[in-house]
Amino acid sequence: MAGLTQPRPAVFLFDETRTVQYAWVAQEWLEMFDYDEVKAEIDTLCGD
């Protein structure tokens, strides 16, 4: 339907300079991110 929008879950991870280092946006509003993937990215950014 024209003009209708729908919110979608999203995850963005930034480094210390506020540059996006990881981005994930759902294709549909029911889709959720992969927790393990995001956790691994956080560990990588934090040096763990």
N, C-alpha and C. Protein backbone atom coordinates (compact mmCIF):
# COMPACT_ATOMS: atom_id res chain seq x y z
N MET A 1 0.84 -1.18 0.00
CA MET A 1 0.00 0.00 0.00
C MET A 1 0.89 1.25 0.00
N ALA A 2 0.61 2.11 -0.87
CA ALA A 2 1.40 3.33 -1.01
C ALA A 2 1.27 4.20 0.24
N GLY A 3 2.40 4.74 0.68
CA GLY A 3 2.38 5.67 1.80
C GLY A 3 2.46 5.03 3.17
N LEU A 4 2.36 3.70 3.25
CA LEU A 4 2.45 3.03 4.55
C LEU A 4 3.89 2.63 4.82
N THR A 5 4.32 2.84 6.03
CA THR A 5 5.65 2.42 6.44
C THR A 5 5.53 1.47 7.61
N GLN A 6 6.57 0.72 7.84
CA GLN A 6 6.56 -0.27 8.89
C GLN A 6 7.91 -0.24 9.61
N PRO A 7 7.91 -0.17 10.95
CA PRO A 7 9.19 -0.18 11.65
C PRO A 7 9.86 -1.54 11.51
N ARG A 8 11.18 -1.53 11.47
CA ARG A 8 11.94 -2.78 11.39
C ARG A 8 13.06 -2.75 12.42
N PRO A 9 13.30 -3.88 13.09
CA PRO A 9 14.42 -3.93 14.03
C PRO A 9 15.74 -3.67 13.31
N ALA A 10 16.67 -3.05 14.03
CA ALA A 10 17.98 -2.77 13.47
C ALA A 10 19.02 -2.77 14.58
N VAL A 11 20.26 -3.09 14.20
CA VAL A 11 21.40 -3.06 15.13
C VAL A 11 22.53 -2.31 14.43
N PHE A 12 23.10 -1.33 15.13
CA PHE A 12 24.25 -0.60 14.63
C PHE A 12 25.32 -0.59 15.71
N LEU A 13 26.55 -0.90 15.35
CA LEU A 13 27.67 -0.86 16.28
C LEU A 13 28.66 0.18 15.78
N PHE A 14 29.10 1.04 16.69
CA PHE A 14 30.00 2.14 16.36
C PHE A 14 31.34 1.93 17.05
N ASP A 15 32.40 2.44 16.44
CA ASP A 15 33.70 2.41 17.11
C ASP A 15 33.87 3.69 17.92
N GLU A 16 35.05 3.88 18.48
CA GLU A 16 35.30 5.03 19.36
C GLU A 16 35.24 6.37 18.63
N THR A 17 35.33 6.36 17.31
CA THR A 17 35.22 7.61 16.54
C THR A 17 33.81 7.82 16.00
N ARG A 18 32.89 7.00 16.48
CA ARG A 18 31.48 7.07 16.08
C ARG A 18 31.25 6.71 14.61
N THR A 19 32.13 5.85 14.10
CA THR A 19 31.98 5.34 12.74
C THR A 19 31.26 4.00 12.82
N VAL A 20 30.26 3.81 11.97
CA VAL A 20 29.53 2.54 11.98
C VAL A 20 30.47 1.43 11.51
N GLN A 21 30.62 0.41 12.33
CA GLN A 21 31.45 -0.73 12.00
C GLN A 21 30.62 -1.97 11.69
N TYR A 22 29.36 -1.97 12.08
CA TYR A 22 28.47 -3.11 11.83
C TYR A 22 27.06 -2.58 11.74
N ALA A 23 26.31 -3.05 10.78
CA ALA A 23 24.91 -2.66 10.64
C ALA A 23 24.09 -3.86 10.20
N TRP A 24 22.95 -4.01 10.82
CA TRP A 24 22.00 -5.06 10.45
C TRP A 24 20.62 -4.44 10.51
N VAL A 25 19.82 -4.63 9.47
CA VAL A 25 18.45 -4.14 9.42
C VAL A 25 17.57 -5.28 8.92
N ALA A 26 16.50 -5.54 9.64
CA ALA A 26 15.58 -6.62 9.28
C ALA A 26 14.88 -6.32 7.96
N GLN A 27 14.61 -7.35 7.22
CA GLN A 27 13.84 -7.21 5.98
C GLN A 27 12.35 -7.07 6.29
N GLU A 28 11.91 -7.67 7.40
CA GLU A 28 10.52 -7.62 7.84
C GLU A 28 10.50 -7.33 9.33
N TRP A 29 9.41 -6.80 9.84
CA TRP A 29 9.37 -6.37 11.23
C TRP A 29 9.46 -7.52 12.23
N LEU A 30 9.14 -8.74 11.85
CA LEU A 30 9.22 -9.87 12.77
C LEU A 30 10.61 -10.49 12.86
N GLU A 31 11.46 -10.19 11.90
CA GLU A 31 12.80 -10.76 11.85
C GLU A 31 13.66 -10.18 12.97
N MET A 32 14.45 -11.03 13.63
CA MET A 32 15.33 -10.57 14.69
C MET A 32 16.78 -10.87 14.34
N PHE A 33 17.70 -10.11 14.93
CA PHE A 33 19.11 -10.27 14.65
C PHE A 33 19.64 -11.57 15.25
N ASP A 34 20.77 -12.02 14.73
CA ASP A 34 21.46 -13.20 15.24
C ASP A 34 22.31 -12.75 16.42
N TYR A 35 21.90 -13.12 17.63
CA TYR A 35 22.59 -12.68 18.84
C TYR A 35 24.07 -13.04 18.81
N ASP A 36 24.38 -14.26 18.42
CA ASP A 36 25.78 -14.70 18.42
C ASP A 36 26.63 -13.88 17.45
N GLU A 37 26.07 -13.54 16.31
CA GLU A 37 26.79 -12.72 15.33
C GLU A 37 27.08 -11.32 15.88
N VAL A 38 26.07 -10.72 16.49
CA VAL A 38 26.25 -9.38 17.05
C VAL A 38 27.23 -9.42 18.22
N LYS A 39 27.14 -10.43 19.07
CA LYS A 39 28.07 -10.58 20.19
C LYS A 39 29.51 -10.72 19.68
N ALA A 40 29.70 -11.49 18.63
CA ALA A 40 31.04 -11.65 18.05
C ALA A 40 31.56 -10.32 17.52
N GLU A 41 30.72 -9.55 16.90
CA GLU A 41 31.13 -8.23 16.39
C GLU A 41 31.48 -7.29 17.54
N ILE A 42 30.72 -7.34 18.61
CA ILE A 42 31.02 -6.52 19.79
C ILE A 42 32.38 -6.92 20.35
N ASP A 43 32.61 -8.22 20.48
CA ASP A 43 33.90 -8.70 20.98
C ASP A 43 35.05 -8.23 20.10
N THR A 44 34.84 -8.25 18.80
CA THR A 44 35.88 -7.81 17.86
C THR A 44 36.16 -6.31 18.05
N LEU A 45 35.11 -5.51 18.15
CA LEU A 45 35.29 -4.07 18.33
C LEU A 45 35.93 -3.72 19.66
N CYS A 46 35.64 -4.51 20.68
CA CYS A 46 36.18 -4.24 22.02
C CYS A 46 37.53 -4.89 22.26
N GLY A 47 37.97 -5.70 21.31
CA GLY A 47 39.26 -6.34 21.45
C GLY A 47 39.27 -7.53 22.38
N ASP A 48 38.10 -8.11 22.64
CA ASP A 48 38.01 -9.29 23.53
C ASP A 48 38.24 -10.58 22.78
